[in-house]
C-alpha cells in the first residue's frame, strides 16, 4: 500500500513539473512555422493575355534533371513535367502559375540579362512495392536550373 501511494505521489509530482516546464513567458518562446509547401488554386485567378504567356512557353530544365514544359492550346495554358500527363494551369501572378488539379505550381523569374530561375512545387505520388507504400505522396520543391 505504501508503494502504491508513493508511486502515485511521484507520478503527480512529475506531471506537475512537466506542466510547469511548458509554461514559459512569451519572450522565451520560439514560433516554428509549419511546412509552407502548399498548392492552392486562387478563388479568382489572375487574367493573363495570350501574348503575355507566350514569353513563358517552352521547356525548362529542373535541378533534379527532369524538365518542365509550358504550352498554349488556344487560350488554355498547360504544364507537363517530363513525360507525365499535362495539367491545365492558370496564372496567379505575372510570373506564377498553378494547376487546377492542385498537382503543381511554378514561378519563373526572367532577368534583364536573359537569365532565368524559379521554383516548381509539385505533388510527388506515393511509391510502393508489392502494394505497400514505401514513400507516401508528398509535396516537393524543385528549382529551375539557371540559364
N, C-alpha and C. Protein backbone atom coordinates (compact mmCIF):
# COMPACT_ATOMS: atom_id res chain seq x y z
N UNK A 1 0.82 -1.18 0.00
CA UNK A 1 0.00 0.00 0.00
C UNK A 1 0.87 1.25 0.00
N UNK A 2 1.97 1.22 0.80
CA UNK A 2 2.87 2.36 0.84
C UNK A 2 3.52 2.57 -0.52
N UNK A 3 3.84 1.48 -1.20
CA UNK A 3 4.45 1.56 -2.53
C UNK A 3 3.47 2.20 -3.51
N UNK A 4 2.21 1.83 -3.42
CA UNK A 4 1.19 2.39 -4.30
C UNK A 4 1.04 3.89 -4.08
N UNK A 5 0.98 4.32 -2.83
CA UNK A 5 0.83 5.74 -2.51
C UNK A 5 2.07 6.52 -2.94
N UNK A 6 3.24 5.97 -2.69
CA UNK A 6 4.49 6.62 -3.08
C UNK A 6 4.57 6.75 -4.59
N UNK A 7 4.20 5.70 -5.30
CA UNK A 7 4.22 5.75 -6.77
C UNK A 7 3.26 6.80 -7.30
N UNK A 8 2.08 6.89 -6.71
CA UNK A 8 1.09 7.88 -7.13
C UNK A 8 1.62 9.29 -6.89
N UNK A 9 2.22 9.51 -5.74
CA UNK A 9 2.78 10.84 -5.44
C UNK A 9 3.91 11.21 -6.40
N UNK A 10 4.76 10.25 -6.72
CA UNK A 10 5.84 10.52 -7.67
C UNK A 10 5.30 10.87 -9.05
N UNK A 11 4.27 10.17 -9.49
CA UNK A 11 3.66 10.47 -10.80
C UNK A 11 3.04 11.86 -10.81
N UNK A 12 2.36 12.21 -9.73
CA UNK A 12 1.75 13.54 -9.66
C UNK A 12 2.82 14.63 -9.63
N UNK A 13 3.89 14.38 -8.93
CA UNK A 13 4.98 15.37 -8.88
C UNK A 13 5.62 15.53 -10.25
N UNK A 14 5.83 14.44 -10.96
CA UNK A 14 6.43 14.51 -12.29
C UNK A 14 5.50 15.24 -13.26
N UNK A 15 4.21 14.98 -13.18
CA UNK A 15 3.26 15.65 -14.06
C UNK A 15 3.21 17.14 -13.75
N UNK A 16 3.26 17.50 -12.49
CA UNK A 16 3.27 18.91 -12.11
C UNK A 16 4.52 19.62 -12.60
N UNK A 17 5.67 18.97 -12.53
CA UNK A 17 6.92 19.54 -13.02
C UNK A 17 6.88 19.71 -14.53
N UNK A 18 6.35 18.72 -15.25
CA UNK A 18 6.26 18.81 -16.71
C UNK A 18 5.34 19.94 -17.12
N UNK A 19 4.23 20.11 -16.43
CA UNK A 19 3.29 21.18 -16.76
C UNK A 19 3.93 22.54 -16.50
N UNK A 20 4.69 22.66 -15.43
CA UNK A 20 5.37 23.91 -15.11
C UNK A 20 6.44 24.22 -16.14
N UNK A 21 7.15 23.21 -16.59
CA UNK A 21 8.24 23.41 -17.55
C UNK A 21 7.73 23.90 -18.90
N UNK A 22 6.48 23.63 -19.26
CA UNK A 22 5.96 24.00 -20.56
C UNK A 22 5.35 25.39 -20.58
N UNK A 23 5.20 26.04 -19.44
CA UNK A 23 4.63 27.38 -19.41
C UNK A 23 5.76 28.38 -19.26
N UNK A 24 6.20 28.93 -20.38
CA UNK A 24 7.28 29.91 -20.41
C UNK A 24 6.72 31.29 -20.72
N UNK A 25 7.38 32.33 -20.25
CA UNK A 25 6.94 33.67 -20.63
C UNK A 25 7.13 33.88 -22.13
N UNK A 26 6.32 34.75 -22.73
CA UNK A 26 6.36 34.95 -24.19
C UNK A 26 7.75 35.29 -24.74
N UNK A 27 8.58 36.00 -23.99
CA UNK A 27 9.90 36.38 -24.50
C UNK A 27 10.85 35.20 -24.58
N UNK A 28 10.47 34.04 -24.00
CA UNK A 28 11.31 32.86 -24.03
C UNK A 28 10.76 31.76 -24.94
N UNK A 29 9.75 32.09 -25.73
CA UNK A 29 9.18 31.09 -26.63
C UNK A 29 9.63 31.35 -28.06
N UNK A 30 9.66 30.30 -28.83
CA UNK A 30 10.04 30.38 -30.24
C UNK A 30 8.91 29.79 -31.07
N UNK A 31 8.49 30.52 -32.10
CA UNK A 31 7.46 30.03 -33.00
C UNK A 31 8.14 29.38 -34.20
N UNK A 32 7.80 28.13 -34.46
CA UNK A 32 8.36 27.40 -35.59
C UNK A 32 7.28 27.32 -36.66
N UNK A 33 7.53 27.94 -37.84
CA UNK A 33 6.49 27.90 -38.89
C UNK A 33 6.31 26.49 -39.43
N UNK A 34 5.09 26.20 -39.87
CA UNK A 34 4.80 24.90 -40.46
C UNK A 34 5.34 24.82 -41.89
N UNK A 35 5.15 23.70 -42.49
CA UNK A 35 5.60 23.48 -43.86
C UNK A 35 4.83 24.41 -44.80
N UNK A 36 5.54 25.28 -45.50
CA UNK A 36 4.91 26.27 -46.37
C UNK A 36 4.67 25.75 -47.78
N UNK A 37 5.03 24.52 -48.05
CA UNK A 37 4.83 23.98 -49.39
C UNK A 37 3.37 23.58 -49.56
N UNK A 38 2.62 24.47 -50.16
CA UNK A 38 1.20 24.24 -50.41
C UNK A 38 0.90 24.60 -51.86
N UNK A 39 -0.09 23.93 -52.39
CA UNK A 39 -0.53 24.22 -53.75
C UNK A 39 -2.01 24.58 -53.67
N UNK A 40 -2.29 25.86 -53.73
CA UNK A 40 -3.65 26.35 -53.64
C UNK A 40 -4.05 27.05 -54.93
N UNK A 41 -5.26 26.78 -55.38
CA UNK A 41 -5.81 27.47 -56.56
C UNK A 41 -6.55 28.70 -56.05
N UNK A 42 -6.21 29.88 -56.57
CA UNK A 42 -6.89 31.08 -56.09
C UNK A 42 -8.36 31.08 -56.50
N UNK A 43 -9.16 31.73 -55.68
CA UNK A 43 -10.59 31.84 -55.98
C UNK A 43 -10.79 32.62 -57.28
N UNK A 44 -9.97 33.64 -57.49
CA UNK A 44 -10.03 34.46 -58.69
C UNK A 44 -8.64 34.48 -59.34
N UNK A 45 -8.39 33.57 -60.31
CA UNK A 45 -7.08 33.56 -60.96
C UNK A 45 -6.79 34.90 -61.64
N UNK A 46 -5.52 35.20 -61.80
CA UNK A 46 -5.09 36.43 -62.46
C UNK A 46 -5.32 36.27 -63.96
N UNK A 47 -5.86 37.29 -64.57
CA UNK A 47 -6.06 37.25 -66.02
C UNK A 47 -4.71 37.51 -66.69
N UNK A 48 -4.35 36.65 -67.64
CA UNK A 48 -3.12 36.83 -68.39
C UNK A 48 -3.43 36.66 -69.87
N UNK A 49 -3.09 37.69 -70.64
CA UNK A 49 -3.34 37.63 -72.08
C UNK A 49 -2.41 36.61 -72.73
N UNK A 50 -2.86 36.08 -73.85
CA UNK A 50 -2.11 35.06 -74.58
C UNK A 50 -0.68 35.50 -74.88
N UNK A 51 -0.51 36.74 -75.36
CA UNK A 51 0.84 37.20 -75.72
C UNK A 51 1.74 37.35 -74.48
N UNK A 52 1.15 37.60 -73.31
CA UNK A 52 1.96 37.68 -72.09
C UNK A 52 2.44 36.29 -71.67
N UNK A 53 1.62 35.27 -71.88
CA UNK A 53 2.03 33.90 -71.53
C UNK A 53 3.04 33.35 -72.52
N UNK A 54 3.02 33.83 -73.77
CA UNK A 54 3.92 33.29 -74.79
C UNK A 54 5.39 33.39 -74.39
N UNK A 55 5.75 34.41 -73.58
CA UNK A 55 7.16 34.53 -73.19
C UNK A 55 7.57 33.43 -72.20
N UNK A 56 6.60 32.69 -71.65
CA UNK A 56 6.91 31.58 -70.74
C UNK A 56 6.84 30.22 -71.44
N UNK A 57 6.27 30.18 -72.64
CA UNK A 57 6.11 28.92 -73.36
C UNK A 57 7.49 28.36 -73.71
N UNK A 58 7.65 27.07 -73.45
CA UNK A 58 8.92 26.41 -73.75
C UNK A 58 9.22 25.32 -72.74
N UNK A 59 10.43 24.79 -72.84
CA UNK A 59 10.87 23.72 -71.95
C UNK A 59 11.97 24.23 -71.04
N UNK A 60 11.84 23.92 -69.76
CA UNK A 60 12.79 24.37 -68.74
C UNK A 60 13.44 23.16 -68.09
N UNK A 61 14.73 23.25 -67.84
CA UNK A 61 15.44 22.20 -67.12
C UNK A 61 15.23 22.41 -65.62
N UNK A 62 14.97 21.30 -64.92
CA UNK A 62 14.80 21.34 -63.48
C UNK A 62 16.08 20.87 -62.79
N UNK A 63 16.28 21.29 -61.57
CA UNK A 63 17.50 20.95 -60.85
C UNK A 63 17.61 19.46 -60.55
N UNK A 64 16.51 18.72 -60.64
CA UNK A 64 16.56 17.27 -60.40
C UNK A 64 16.82 16.48 -61.69
N UNK A 65 17.08 17.18 -62.81
CA UNK A 65 17.36 16.51 -64.07
C UNK A 65 16.14 16.33 -64.96
N UNK A 66 14.97 16.59 -64.46
CA UNK A 66 13.75 16.47 -65.24
C UNK A 66 13.50 17.76 -66.02
N UNK A 67 12.39 17.84 -66.74
CA UNK A 67 12.05 19.05 -67.49
C UNK A 67 10.63 19.48 -67.16
N UNK A 68 10.38 20.76 -67.34
CA UNK A 68 9.04 21.35 -67.23
C UNK A 68 8.74 21.99 -68.56
N UNK A 69 7.59 21.65 -69.13
CA UNK A 69 7.18 22.24 -70.41
C UNK A 69 5.89 23.03 -70.18
N UNK A 70 5.88 24.26 -70.66
CA UNK A 70 4.68 25.09 -70.65
C UNK A 70 4.25 25.31 -72.09
N UNK A 71 2.94 25.18 -72.36
CA UNK A 71 2.44 25.37 -73.72
C UNK A 71 1.05 25.96 -73.70
N UNK A 72 0.68 26.49 -74.86
CA UNK A 72 -0.65 27.06 -75.08
C UNK A 72 -1.40 26.20 -76.09
N UNK A 73 -2.70 26.05 -75.86
CA UNK A 73 -3.58 25.43 -76.84
C UNK A 73 -4.79 26.35 -76.93
N UNK A 74 -4.79 27.22 -77.92
CA UNK A 74 -5.80 28.26 -77.99
C UNK A 74 -5.52 29.25 -76.86
N UNK A 75 -6.47 29.43 -75.98
CA UNK A 75 -6.27 30.33 -74.83
C UNK A 75 -5.98 29.55 -73.55
N UNK A 76 -5.91 28.22 -73.66
CA UNK A 76 -5.72 27.37 -72.48
C UNK A 76 -4.23 27.09 -72.29
N UNK A 77 -3.78 27.22 -71.05
CA UNK A 77 -2.37 27.02 -70.69
C UNK A 77 -2.19 25.65 -70.06
N UNK A 78 -1.07 24.99 -70.41
CA UNK A 78 -0.78 23.65 -69.88
C UNK A 78 0.66 23.58 -69.39
N UNK A 79 0.88 22.70 -68.40
CA UNK A 79 2.22 22.39 -67.92
C UNK A 79 2.38 20.88 -67.89
N UNK A 80 3.60 20.43 -68.18
CA UNK A 80 3.91 19.00 -68.14
C UNK A 80 5.30 18.83 -67.55
N UNK A 81 5.43 17.89 -66.64
CA UNK A 81 6.73 17.55 -66.06
C UNK A 81 7.18 16.25 -66.69
N UNK A 82 8.33 16.30 -67.35
CA UNK A 82 8.86 15.10 -68.01
C UNK A 82 7.84 14.51 -68.96
N UNK A 83 7.59 13.22 -68.80
CA UNK A 83 6.63 12.51 -69.66
C UNK A 83 5.31 12.25 -68.94
N UNK A 84 5.10 12.95 -67.83
CA UNK A 84 3.84 12.80 -67.09
C UNK A 84 2.69 13.44 -67.88
N UNK A 85 1.48 13.27 -67.38
CA UNK A 85 0.33 13.87 -68.05
C UNK A 85 0.34 15.38 -67.86
N UNK A 86 -0.34 16.07 -68.78
CA UNK A 86 -0.43 17.54 -68.71
C UNK A 86 -1.38 17.97 -67.62
N UNK A 87 -1.14 19.19 -67.14
CA UNK A 87 -2.01 19.82 -66.15
C UNK A 87 -2.44 21.17 -66.69
N UNK A 88 -3.73 21.45 -66.66
CA UNK A 88 -4.21 22.77 -67.06
C UNK A 88 -3.85 23.76 -65.96
N UNK A 89 -3.26 24.89 -66.34
CA UNK A 89 -2.79 25.86 -65.36
C UNK A 89 -3.44 27.22 -65.57
N UNK A 90 -3.45 28.02 -64.51
CA UNK A 90 -3.92 29.41 -64.56
C UNK A 90 -2.86 30.27 -63.91
N UNK A 91 -2.83 31.54 -64.28
CA UNK A 91 -1.88 32.48 -63.70
C UNK A 91 -2.33 32.88 -62.30
N UNK A 92 -1.35 33.01 -61.40
CA UNK A 92 -1.63 33.51 -60.05
C UNK A 92 -0.90 34.83 -59.81
N UNK A 93 0.05 35.14 -60.67
CA UNK A 93 0.83 36.38 -60.61
C UNK A 93 1.38 36.60 -62.01
N UNK A 94 2.14 37.67 -62.20
CA UNK A 94 2.66 37.96 -63.54
C UNK A 94 3.66 36.92 -64.02
N UNK A 95 4.22 36.10 -63.08
CA UNK A 95 5.20 35.08 -63.46
C UNK A 95 4.98 33.76 -62.72
N UNK A 96 3.77 33.54 -62.23
CA UNK A 96 3.49 32.32 -61.45
C UNK A 96 2.19 31.68 -61.91
N UNK A 97 2.16 30.36 -61.84
CA UNK A 97 1.03 29.59 -62.34
C UNK A 97 0.75 28.43 -61.40
N UNK A 98 -0.49 27.97 -61.39
CA UNK A 98 -0.88 26.83 -60.58
C UNK A 98 -1.79 25.93 -61.40
N UNK A 99 -1.66 24.62 -61.19
CA UNK A 99 -2.51 23.65 -61.88
C UNK A 99 -3.88 23.61 -61.21
N UNK A 100 -4.92 23.54 -62.01
CA UNK A 100 -6.27 23.49 -61.47
C UNK A 100 -6.52 22.22 -60.65
N UNK A 101 -5.75 21.16 -60.91
CA UNK A 101 -5.90 19.92 -60.13
C UNK A 101 -5.01 19.90 -58.88
N UNK A 102 -4.38 21.04 -58.59
CA UNK A 102 -3.53 21.21 -57.39
C UNK A 102 -2.36 20.23 -57.34
N UNK A 103 -1.84 19.88 -58.50
CA UNK A 103 -0.70 18.96 -58.53
C UNK A 103 0.63 19.68 -58.68
N UNK A 104 0.60 20.95 -59.10
CA UNK A 104 1.84 21.70 -59.23
C UNK A 104 1.59 23.19 -59.25
N UNK A 105 2.65 23.93 -58.91
CA UNK A 105 2.66 25.38 -59.12
C UNK A 105 4.09 25.74 -59.49
N UNK A 106 4.21 26.79 -60.28
CA UNK A 106 5.53 27.18 -60.78
C UNK A 106 5.67 28.69 -60.78
N UNK A 107 6.88 29.13 -60.48
CA UNK A 107 7.24 30.55 -60.56
C UNK A 107 8.49 30.63 -61.43
N UNK A 108 8.45 31.50 -62.45
CA UNK A 108 9.58 31.66 -63.36
C UNK A 108 10.02 33.12 -63.32
N UNK A 109 11.24 33.33 -62.89
CA UNK A 109 11.81 34.68 -62.81
C UNK A 109 12.74 34.90 -64.00
N UNK A 110 12.33 35.78 -64.91
CA UNK A 110 13.15 36.12 -66.07
C UNK A 110 13.86 37.43 -65.77
N UNK A 111 15.20 37.43 -65.88
CA UNK A 111 16.00 38.59 -65.53
C UNK A 111 16.38 39.40 -66.77
N UNK A 112 16.74 40.66 -66.56
CA UNK A 112 17.08 41.56 -67.66
C UNK A 112 18.27 41.07 -68.48
N UNK A 113 19.18 40.32 -67.86
CA UNK A 113 20.36 39.83 -68.58
C UNK A 113 20.07 38.57 -69.39
N UNK A 114 18.81 38.14 -69.43
CA UNK A 114 18.43 36.97 -70.21
C UNK A 114 18.43 35.67 -69.40
N UNK A 115 18.96 35.71 -68.20
CA UNK A 115 18.97 34.51 -67.37
C UNK A 115 17.60 34.32 -66.71
N UNK A 116 17.37 33.13 -66.21
CA UNK A 116 16.13 32.87 -65.51
C UNK A 116 16.36 31.85 -64.41
N UNK A 117 15.49 31.90 -63.45
CA UNK A 117 15.45 30.89 -62.41
C UNK A 117 14.03 30.85 -61.88
N UNK A 118 13.78 30.03 -60.91
CA UNK A 118 12.44 29.91 -60.37
C UNK A 118 12.29 28.67 -59.54
N UNK A 119 11.05 28.29 -59.33
CA UNK A 119 10.76 27.15 -58.46
C UNK A 119 9.51 26.43 -58.94
N UNK A 120 9.56 25.13 -58.84
CA UNK A 120 8.41 24.27 -59.12
C UNK A 120 8.06 23.55 -57.83
N UNK A 121 6.82 23.63 -57.42
CA UNK A 121 6.32 22.87 -56.28
C UNK A 121 5.34 21.87 -56.85
N UNK A 122 5.56 20.59 -56.55
CA UNK A 122 4.72 19.56 -57.15
C UNK A 122 4.40 18.46 -56.16
N UNK A 123 3.31 17.77 -56.41
CA UNK A 123 2.94 16.60 -55.63
C UNK A 123 3.68 15.41 -56.24
N UNK A 124 4.46 14.74 -55.41
CA UNK A 124 5.15 13.53 -55.84
C UNK A 124 4.29 12.36 -55.39
N UNK A 125 3.84 11.53 -56.33
CA UNK A 125 2.96 10.42 -55.95
C UNK A 125 3.67 9.42 -55.03
N UNK A 126 2.88 8.67 -54.27
CA UNK A 126 3.48 7.67 -53.38
C UNK A 126 4.18 6.60 -54.21
N UNK A 127 5.21 6.06 -53.61
CA UNK A 127 5.95 4.97 -54.25
C UNK A 127 5.70 3.72 -53.43
N UNK A 128 5.34 2.64 -54.12
CA UNK A 128 5.08 1.42 -53.36
C UNK A 128 5.71 0.23 -54.06
N UNK A 129 5.95 -0.78 -53.25
CA UNK A 129 6.48 -2.05 -53.73
C UNK A 129 5.54 -3.13 -53.21
N UNK A 130 5.04 -3.94 -54.09
CA UNK A 130 4.12 -5.03 -53.73
C UNK A 130 2.91 -4.53 -52.96
N UNK A 131 2.40 -3.35 -53.35
CA UNK A 131 1.19 -2.83 -52.75
C UNK A 131 1.39 -2.15 -51.40
N UNK A 132 2.63 -2.01 -50.95
CA UNK A 132 2.92 -1.36 -49.67
C UNK A 132 3.60 -0.03 -49.95
N UNK A 133 3.04 1.07 -49.39
CA UNK A 133 3.65 2.39 -49.58
C UNK A 133 5.00 2.46 -48.90
N UNK A 134 6.04 2.68 -49.70
CA UNK A 134 7.39 2.87 -49.14
C UNK A 134 7.57 4.34 -48.83
N UNK A 135 7.18 5.21 -49.76
CA UNK A 135 7.24 6.65 -49.57
C UNK A 135 5.84 7.19 -49.87
N UNK A 136 5.17 7.80 -48.89
CA UNK A 136 3.83 8.33 -49.15
C UNK A 136 3.89 9.55 -50.07
N UNK A 137 2.76 9.90 -50.67
CA UNK A 137 2.68 11.09 -51.51
C UNK A 137 3.06 12.31 -50.68
N UNK A 138 3.80 13.23 -51.29
CA UNK A 138 4.23 14.43 -50.58
C UNK A 138 4.45 15.57 -51.56
N UNK A 139 4.51 16.78 -51.04
CA UNK A 139 4.76 17.98 -51.86
C UNK A 139 6.24 18.28 -51.78
N UNK A 140 6.84 18.56 -52.94
CA UNK A 140 8.29 18.77 -53.02
C UNK A 140 8.57 20.03 -53.83
N UNK A 141 9.61 20.74 -53.44
CA UNK A 141 10.05 21.93 -54.17
C UNK A 141 11.28 21.58 -54.99
N UNK A 142 11.27 22.00 -56.26
CA UNK A 142 12.38 21.75 -57.17
C UNK A 142 12.74 23.07 -57.84
N UNK A 143 14.00 23.40 -57.87
CA UNK A 143 14.43 24.63 -58.51
C UNK A 143 14.53 24.49 -60.02
N UNK A 144 14.31 25.59 -60.72
CA UNK A 144 14.58 25.61 -62.15
C UNK A 144 16.07 25.84 -62.31
N UNK A 145 16.70 25.08 -63.20
CA UNK A 145 18.13 25.26 -63.43
C UNK A 145 18.35 26.62 -64.09
N UNK A 146 19.27 27.37 -63.56
CA UNK A 146 19.56 28.71 -64.11
C UNK A 146 20.12 28.57 -65.51
N UNK A 147 19.77 29.52 -66.34
CA UNK A 147 20.37 29.56 -67.68
C UNK A 147 20.52 30.98 -68.12
